[in-house]
C-alpha atoms as a PDB file:
ATOM      1  CA  GLU A   1      27.129  -7.334  -4.590  1.00  0.00           C
ATOM      2  CA  MET A   2      27.899  -5.214  -1.513  1.00  0.00           C
ATOM      3  CA  LYS A   3      31.404  -4.370  -0.248  1.00  0.00           C
ATOM      4  CA  LEU A   4      31.808  -3.186   3.320  1.00  0.00           C
ATOM      5  CA  LYS A   5      33.514   0.195   3.262  1.00  0.00           C
ATOM      6  CA  LYS A   6      33.260   1.525   6.806  1.00  0.00           C
ATOM      7  CA  VAL A   7      31.834   0.720  10.263  1.00  0.00           C
ATOM      8  CA  ASP A   8      31.551   3.368  12.940  1.00  0.00           C
ATOM      9  CA  CYS A   9      30.234   2.893  16.501  1.00  0.00           C
ATOM     10  CA  GLN A  10      29.108   5.958  18.444  1.00  0.00           C
ATOM     11  CA  THR A  11      27.657   6.852  21.828  1.00  0.00           C
ATOM     12  CA  VAL A  12      25.004   9.407  20.915  1.00  0.00           C
ATOM     13  CA  ASN A  13      24.109  10.112  24.542  1.00  0.00           C
ATOM     14  CA  LYS A  14      23.719   8.190  27.808  1.00  0.00           C
ATOM     15  CA  GLU A  15      20.748   6.249  26.451  1.00  0.00           C
ATOM     16  CA  VAL A  16      21.472   5.813  22.740  1.00  0.00           C
ATOM     17  CA  GLN A  17      24.161   3.777  21.012  1.00  0.00           C
ATOM     18  CA  SER A  18      24.571   3.960  17.246  1.00  0.00           C
ATOM     19  CA  ILE A  19      26.286   1.763  14.639  1.00  0.00           C
ATOM     20  CA  ASN A  20      26.833   3.309  11.208  1.00  0.00           C
ATOM     21  CA  VAL A  21      27.710   1.076   8.276  1.00  0.00           C
ATOM     22  CA  GLU A  22      28.659   2.076   4.739  1.00  0.00           C
ATOM     23  CA  TYR A  23      28.661  -0.253   1.726  1.00  0.00           C
ATOM     24  CA  GLU A  24      29.907   0.149  -1.815  1.00  0.00           C
ATOM     25  CA  MET A  25      27.607  -1.341  -4.480  1.00  0.00           C
ATOM     26  CA  PRO A  26      29.721  -1.362  -7.653  1.00  0.00           C
ATOM     27  CA  GLN A  27      27.187  -3.213  -9.805  1.00  0.00           C
ATOM     28  CA  VAL A  28      24.661  -0.410  -9.393  1.00  0.00           C
ATOM     29  CA  LYS A  29      27.248   2.365  -8.962  1.00  0.00           C
ATOM     30  CA  ALA A  30      25.898   3.469  -5.600  1.00  0.00           C
ATOM     31  CA  VAL A  31      26.758   3.777  -1.922  1.00  0.00           C
ATOM     32  CA  LEU A  32      24.429   2.472   0.782  1.00  0.00           C
ATOM     33  CA  LYS A  33      24.599   3.921   4.305  1.00  0.00           C
ATOM     34  CA  ILE A  34      22.740   2.231   7.168  1.00  0.00           C
ATOM     35  CA  SER A  35      22.567   3.376  10.778  1.00  0.00           C
ATOM     36  CA  TYR A  36      21.193   1.400  13.728  1.00  0.00           C
ATOM     37  CA  SER A  37      20.418   3.454  16.845  1.00  0.00           C
ATOM     38  CA  LEU A  38      19.410   1.511  19.964  1.00  0.00           C
ATOM     39  CA  ASN A  39      18.133   3.124  23.168  1.00  0.00           C
ATOM     40  CA  ALA A  40      17.905   1.801  26.714  1.00  0.00           C
ATOM     41  CA  ARG A  41      14.264   0.740  26.262  1.00  0.00           C
ATOM     42  CA  GLY A  42      15.163  -1.615  23.427  1.00  0.00           C
ATOM     43  CA  PHE A  43      13.799   0.614  20.647  1.00  0.00           C
ATOM     44  CA  LEU A  44      15.855   0.384  17.455  1.00  0.00           C
ATOM     45  CA  VAL A  45      15.762   3.119  14.793  1.00  0.00           C
ATOM     46  CA  VAL A  46      17.012   1.982  11.391  1.00  0.00           C
ATOM     47  CA  GLN A  47      17.906   4.477   8.682  1.00  0.00           C
ATOM     48  CA  GLN A  48      18.868   3.549   5.120  1.00  0.00           C
ATOM     49  CA  GLU A  49      20.268   6.059   2.656  1.00  0.00           C
ATOM     50  CA  LEU A  50      21.136   5.245  -0.950  1.00  0.00           C
ATOM     51  CA  GLU A  51      23.484   7.629  -2.765  1.00  0.00           C
ATOM     52  CA  ALA A  52      23.224   7.123  -6.521  1.00  0.00           C
ATOM     53  CA  ASP A  53      26.021   8.053  -8.910  1.00  0.00           C
ATOM     54  CA  LYS A  54      24.934  11.254 -10.664  1.00  0.00           C
ATOM     55  CA  GLU A  55      27.152  10.393 -13.617  1.00  0.00           C
ATOM     56  CA  ALA A  56      25.684   6.915 -14.128  1.00  0.00           C
ATOM     57  CA  LYS A  57      23.617   6.659 -17.290  1.00  0.00           C
ATOM     58  CA  ASP A  58      20.910   4.204 -18.330  1.00  0.00           C
ATOM     59  CA  MET A  59      20.685   2.497 -14.944  1.00  0.00           C
ATOM     60  CA  PRO A  60      17.570   0.303 -14.599  1.00  0.00           C
ATOM     61  CA  ASP A  61      14.699   1.022 -12.222  1.00  0.00           C
ATOM     62  CA  MET A  62      14.809  -0.462  -8.737  1.00  0.00           C
ATOM     63  CA  PHE A  63      12.331  -3.095  -7.572  1.00  0.00           C
ATOM     64  CA  ARG A  64      12.140  -2.000  -3.932  1.00  0.00           C
ATOM     65  CA  PHE A  65      14.011   0.055  -1.350  1.00  0.00           C
ATOM     66  CA  GLY A  66      14.030  -1.319   2.165  1.00  0.00           C
ATOM     67  CA  GLN A  67      15.261  -4.268   4.190  1.00  0.00           C
ATOM     68  CA  GLN A  68      14.612  -7.988   4.427  1.00  0.00           C
ATOM     69  CA  TRP A  69      14.419  -9.628   7.850  1.00  0.00           C
ATOM     70  CA  VAL A  70      14.601 -13.407   8.275  1.00  0.00           C
ATOM     71  CA  LEU A  71      12.822 -14.169  11.548  1.00  0.00           C
ATOM     72  CA  PRO A  72      11.813 -17.285  13.513  1.00  0.00           C
ATOM     73  CA  GLU A  73       8.943 -19.317  12.098  1.00  0.00           C
ATOM     74  CA  SER A  74       7.165 -18.887  15.446  1.00  0.00           C
ATOM     75  CA  LEU A  75       6.483 -15.227  14.555  1.00  0.00           C
ATOM     76  CA  SER A  76       3.432 -16.301  12.606  1.00  0.00           C
ATOM     77  CA  GLU A  77       0.782 -13.761  13.668  1.00  0.00           C
ATOM     78  CA  ILE A  78       0.402 -10.363  11.953  1.00  0.00           C
ATOM     79  CA  THR A  79      -1.293  -7.212  13.198  1.00  0.00           C
ATOM     80  CA  TYR A  80      -0.912  -4.153  11.016  1.00  0.00           C
ATOM     81  CA  TYR A  81      -2.417  -0.744  10.348  1.00  0.00           C
ATOM     82  CA  GLY A  82      -2.473  -0.157   6.615  1.00  0.00           C
ATOM     83  CA  ARG A  83      -4.429  -1.031   3.493  1.00  0.00           C
ATOM     84  CA  GLY A  84      -6.073  -4.443   3.317  1.00  0.00           C
ATOM     85  CA  PRO A  85      -7.222  -7.051   3.859  1.00  0.00           C
ATOM     86  CA  ILE A  86      -5.907  -8.544   0.596  1.00  0.00           C
ATOM     87  CA  GLU A  87      -2.519  -7.896  -0.998  1.00  0.00           C
ATOM     88  CA  ASN A  88      -2.125  -4.502  -2.619  1.00  0.00           C
ATOM     89  CA  TYR A  89       0.517  -2.485  -4.438  1.00  0.00           C
ATOM     90  CA  ILE A  90       1.162   1.186  -5.023  1.00  0.00           C
ATOM     91  CA  ASP A  91      -0.797   1.134  -8.307  1.00  0.00           C
ATOM     92  CA  ARG A  92      -3.334  -1.471  -7.122  1.00  0.00           C
ATOM     93  CA  ASN A  93      -4.570  -0.306  -3.719  1.00  0.00           C
ATOM     94  CA  PHE A  94      -7.564   2.028  -4.090  1.00  0.00           C
ATOM     95  CA  SER A  95      -9.983  -0.838  -3.448  1.00  0.00           C
ATOM     96  CA  GLN A  96      -8.398  -1.667  -0.086  1.00  0.00           C
ATOM     97  CA  SER A  97      -9.410   0.208   3.066  1.00  0.00           C
ATOM     98  CA  LEU A  98      -7.084   1.713   5.649  1.00  0.00           C
ATOM     99  CA  ALA A  99      -7.698  -0.142   8.936  1.00  0.00           C
ATOM    100  CA  VAL A 100      -6.177  -2.457  11.550  1.00  0.00           C
ATOM    101  CA  TYR A 101      -5.985  -6.079  10.356  1.00  0.00           C
ATOM    102  CA  HIS A 102      -5.134  -9.350  12.097  1.00  0.00           C
ATOM    103  CA  GLN A 103      -3.788 -12.065   9.794  1.00  0.00           C
ATOM    104  CA  LYS A 104      -1.457 -15.076   9.674  1.00  0.00           C
ATOM    105  CA  VAL A 105       1.848 -15.347   7.819  1.00  0.00           C
ATOM    106  CA  ALA A 106       0.776 -18.704   6.390  1.00  0.00           C
ATOM    107  CA  ASP A 107      -2.169 -17.002   4.630  1.00  0.00           C
ATOM    108  CA  GLN A 108      -0.174 -14.201   2.968  1.00  0.00           C
ATOM    109  CA  TYR A 109       0.919 -16.007  -0.178  1.00  0.00           C
ATOM    110  CA  TRP A 110      -1.611 -16.073  -3.009  1.00  0.00           C
ATOM    111  CA  PRO A 111      -1.124 -19.251  -5.111  1.00  0.00           C
ATOM    112  CA  TYR A 112      -0.848 -17.787  -8.608  1.00  0.00           C
ATOM    113  CA  VAL A 113      -0.295 -20.432 -11.278  1.00  0.00           C
ATOM    114  CA  ARG A 114       3.326 -19.300 -11.590  1.00  0.00           C
ATOM    115  CA  PRO A 115       5.100 -18.329  -8.314  1.00  0.00           C
ATOM    116  CA  GLN A 116       5.565 -14.574  -8.037  1.00  0.00           C
ATOM    117  CA  GLU A 117       5.707 -11.621  -5.657  1.00  0.00           C
ATOM    118  CA  SER A 118       2.771 -11.799  -3.254  1.00  0.00           C
ATOM    119  CA  GLY A 119       1.309 -10.458  -0.025  1.00  0.00           C
ATOM    120  CA  ASN A 120       2.453  -6.841  -0.129  1.00  0.00           C
ATOM    121  CA  LYS A 121       0.530  -4.182   1.841  1.00  0.00           C
ATOM    122  CA  THR A 122       0.764  -0.415   1.273  1.00  0.00           C
ATOM    123  CA  ASP A 123       0.240   2.681   3.451  1.00  0.00           C
ATOM    124  CA  VAL A 124       1.434   0.744   6.501  1.00  0.00           C
ATOM    125  CA  ARG A 125       1.801   2.737   9.729  1.00  0.00           C
ATOM    126  CA  TYR A 126       2.882  -0.239  11.843  1.00  0.00           C
ATOM    127  CA  TRP A 127       3.439  -3.948  11.227  1.00  0.00           C
ATOM    128  CA  THR A 128       3.645  -6.345  14.176  1.00  0.00           C
ATOM    129  CA  LEU A 129       4.807  -9.964  14.063  1.00  0.00           C
ATOM    130  CA  THR A 130       4.252 -12.115  17.145  1.00  0.00           C
ATOM    131  CA  ASP A 131       4.081 -15.725  18.231  1.00  0.00           C
ATOM    132  CA  LYS A 132       0.849 -17.213  19.541  1.00  0.00           C
ATOM    133  CA  GLN A 133       1.655 -15.887  23.024  1.00  0.00           C
ATOM    134  CA  GLY A 134       1.846 -12.317  21.726  1.00  0.00           C
ATOM    135  CA  ARG A 135       5.633 -11.938  21.899  1.00  0.00           C
ATOM    136  CA  GLY A 136       7.543 -10.499  18.970  1.00  0.00           C
ATOM    137  CA  LEU A 137       8.505  -7.298  17.184  1.00  0.00           C
ATOM    138  CA  SER A 138       6.660  -4.236  15.928  1.00  0.00           C
ATOM    139  CA  PHE A 139       7.928  -2.203  12.959  1.00  0.00           C
ATOM    140  CA  LEU A 140       6.787   1.436  12.870  1.00  0.00           C
ATOM    141  CA  ALA A 141       6.964   3.907   9.971  1.00  0.00           C
ATOM    142  CA  LEU A 142       8.587   7.166  11.078  1.00  0.00           C
ATOM    143  CA  ASP A 143       8.637   9.685   8.225  1.00  0.00           C
ATOM    144  CA  ALA A 144       5.920   8.354   5.900  1.00  0.00           C
ATOM    145  CA  PRO A 145       3.734   5.244   5.523  1.00  0.00           C
ATOM    146  CA  MET A 146       5.711   2.216   4.343  1.00  0.00           C
ATOM    147  CA  GLU A 147       5.057  -1.103   2.622  1.00  0.00           C
ATOM    148  CA  CYS A 148       5.404  -4.542   4.252  1.00  0.00           C
ATOM    149  CA  SER A 149       4.935  -8.232   3.608  1.00  0.00           C
ATOM    150  CA  ALA A 150       5.620 -11.425   5.559  1.00  0.00           C
ATOM    151  CA  LEU A 151       5.887 -14.805   3.869  1.00  0.00           C
ATOM    152  CA  ASN A 152       7.312 -18.256   4.463  1.00  0.00           C
ATOM    153  CA  TYR A 153       9.269 -17.884   1.218  1.00  0.00           C
ATOM    154  CA  LEU A 154      12.417 -16.081   0.109  1.00  0.00           C
ATOM    155  CA  PRO A 155      12.194 -13.797  -2.943  1.00  0.00           C
ATOM    156  CA  SER A 156      14.335 -16.319  -4.860  1.00  0.00           C
ATOM    157  CA  ASP A 157      11.680 -18.988  -4.199  1.00  0.00           C
ATOM    158  CA  LEU A 158       9.110 -16.898  -6.055  1.00  0.00           C
ATOM    159  CA  ASP A 159      11.234 -15.784  -9.003  1.00  0.00           C
ATOM    160  CA  ASP A 160      13.588 -18.248 -10.667  1.00  0.00           C
ATOM    161  CA  GLY A 161      14.742 -15.728 -13.259  1.00  0.00           C
ATOM    162  CA  PRO A 162      13.868 -14.990 -16.884  1.00  0.00           C
ATOM    163  CA  GLU A 163      14.466 -18.560 -18.015  1.00  0.00           C
ATOM    164  CA  LYS A 164      11.825 -19.930 -15.612  1.00  0.00           C
ATOM    165  CA  ALA A 165      13.477 -23.177 -14.513  1.00  0.00           C
ATOM    166  CA  ALA A 166      11.415 -26.353 -14.380  1.00  0.00           C
ATOM    167  CA  THR A 167      11.717 -26.619 -10.583  1.00  0.00           C
ATOM    168  CA  GLN A 168       9.013 -24.824  -8.603  1.00  0.00           C
ATOM    169  CA  HIS A 169       7.366 -23.916 -11.890  1.00  0.00           C
ATOM    170  CA  HIS A 170       3.909 -23.780 -10.270  1.00  0.00           C
ATOM    171  CA  SER A 171       2.778 -22.553  -6.875  1.00  0.00           C
ATOM    172  CA  GLY A 172       1.845 -26.095  -5.868  1.00  0.00           C
ATOM    173  CA  ASP A 173       5.525 -27.019  -6.166  1.00  0.00           C
ATOM    174  CA  LEU A 174       6.646 -24.503  -3.534  1.00  0.00           C
ATOM    175  CA  THR A 175       7.915 -25.720  -0.163  1.00  0.00           C
ATOM    176  CA  PRO A 176       7.406 -23.244   2.716  1.00  0.00           C
ATOM    177  CA  ARG A 177      10.599 -22.234   4.509  1.00  0.00           C
ATOM    178  CA  PRO A 178      10.971 -22.903   8.269  1.00  0.00           C
ATOM    179  CA  PHE A 179      11.194 -19.169   8.983  1.00  0.00           C
ATOM    180  CA  THR A 180       9.317 -15.907   8.397  1.00  0.00           C
ATOM    181  CA  VAL A 181      10.632 -13.518   5.734  1.00  0.00           C
ATOM    182  CA  LEU A 182       9.671  -9.902   6.401  1.00  0.00           C
ATOM    183  CA  GLN A 183      10.023  -7.168   3.800  1.00  0.00           C
ATOM    184  CA  VAL A 184       9.899  -3.688   5.340  1.00  0.00           C
ATOM    185  CA  GLN A 185      10.352  -1.031   2.679  1.00  0.00           C
ATOM    186  CA  ALA A 186       9.833   2.584   1.780  1.00  0.00           C
ATOM    187  CA  ARG A 187       8.344   1.611  -1.546  1.00  0.00           C
ATOM    188  CA  GLN A 188       8.059  -1.157  -4.106  1.00  0.00           C
ATOM    189  CA  PHE A 189       7.795  -1.061  -7.898  1.00  0.00           C
ATOM    190  CA  GLY A 190       4.190  -1.074  -9.110  1.00  0.00           C
ATOM    191  CA  VAL A 191       2.401  -4.000 -10.724  1.00  0.00           C
ATOM    192  CA  GLY A 192       1.581  -2.368 -14.064  1.00  0.00           C
ATOM    193  CA  GLY A 193      -0.317  -4.394 -16.666  1.00  0.00           C
ATOM    194  CA  ILE A 194      -2.770  -1.698 -17.761  1.00  0.00           C
ATOM    195  CA  ASN A 195      -2.948  -3.399 -21.178  1.00  0.00           C
ATOM    196  CA  SER A 196      -3.620  -6.914 -19.892  1.00  0.00           C
ATOM    197  CA  TRP A 197      -0.218  -7.457 -18.212  1.00  0.00           C
ATOM    198  CA  GLY A 198       2.044  -6.436 -21.061  1.00  0.00           C
ATOM    199  CA  ALA A 199       2.804  -2.879 -19.880  1.00  0.00           C
ATOM    200  CA  TRP A 200       5.122  -1.611 -17.176  1.00  0.00           C
ATOM    201  CA  PRO A 201       3.683   0.605 -14.407  1.00  0.00           C
ATOM    202  CA  ARG A 202       3.044   4.237 -15.129  1.00  0.00           C
ATOM    203  CA  LYS A 203       5.965   6.564 -14.425  1.00  0.00           C
ATOM    204  CA  GLU A 204       4.685   7.705 -11.012  1.00  0.00           C
ATOM    205  CA  TYR A 205       4.547   4.090  -9.805  1.00  0.00           C
ATOM    206  CA  ARG A 206       8.101   3.138 -10.780  1.00  0.00           C
ATOM    207  CA  MET A 207      11.326   3.487  -8.791  1.00  0.00           C
ATOM    208  CA  PRO A 208      13.914   5.298 -10.921  1.00  0.00           C
ATOM    209  CA  TYR A 209      17.613   5.083 -10.133  1.00  0.00           C
ATOM    210  CA  GLN A 210      18.173   7.991  -7.733  1.00  0.00           C
ATOM    211  CA  ASN A 211      18.849   8.827  -4.093  1.00  0.00           C
ATOM    212  CA  TYR A 212      16.497   7.245  -1.534  1.00  0.00           C
ATOM    213  CA  LYS A 213      16.110   7.529   2.234  1.00  0.00           C
ATOM    214  CA  PHE A 214      14.048   5.321   4.539  1.00  0.00           C
ATOM    215  CA  ARG A 215      13.651   5.323   8.311  1.00  0.00           C
ATOM    216  CA  TYR A 216      11.658   3.075  10.655  1.00  0.00           C
ATOM    217  CA  MET A 217      11.609   1.900  14.269  1.00  0.00           C
ATOM    218  CA  VAL A 218      11.606  -1.617  15.719  1.00  0.00           C
ATOM    219  CA  LYS A 219      10.061  -2.213  19.161  1.00  0.00           C
ATOM    220  CA  PRO A 220       9.901  -5.402  21.207  1.00  0.00           C
ATOM    221  CA  VAL A 221       6.391  -6.684  21.938  1.00  0.00           C
ATOM    222  CA  LYS A 222       5.605  -8.650  25.090  1.00  0.00           C
END
């Protein structure tokens, strides 16, 4: 749950306009600050900053820190510079080479027997989504490499909770959404499973409850 606390619009200079938004997140005892700075060339810089409550005890780890974009289905072509070509995670990426890859959104989901998180890429420098005519958006890491994925499914489609409802119980039961769901994030929780999928990730691959900051740029592509 997020409660809007404050919105502030600023003119940074003659070419840059900025919108600063602050949310209260009472369930996780944190404050989330997001700024959107747009210049005259159509470049958008997004900055997220999570302020954790220093007094909060026994808060669970986070799954990811970043943003979800729901984009037109026509943005179906991917070009990215990062690790690939197959999906990889912070504790499962040494086998994947750093290079430029050209892929399709429709091919990103791996049909595990049970629907689950899929298609993530690590060490991403830029991630571009376009239509077949080459028009779309490019997302660029600014301070450090980021992680990205693009699927035709919402996260809720791939995880129906701990009870595992009968609907969409297998990957063959999934129905692709008529849009593209982009995850652009500073980091995601590791896969773990070093003892045949029973163990959590090692400490360095988790995301403890603490302050986080993430910054990236969005550019139009013609």
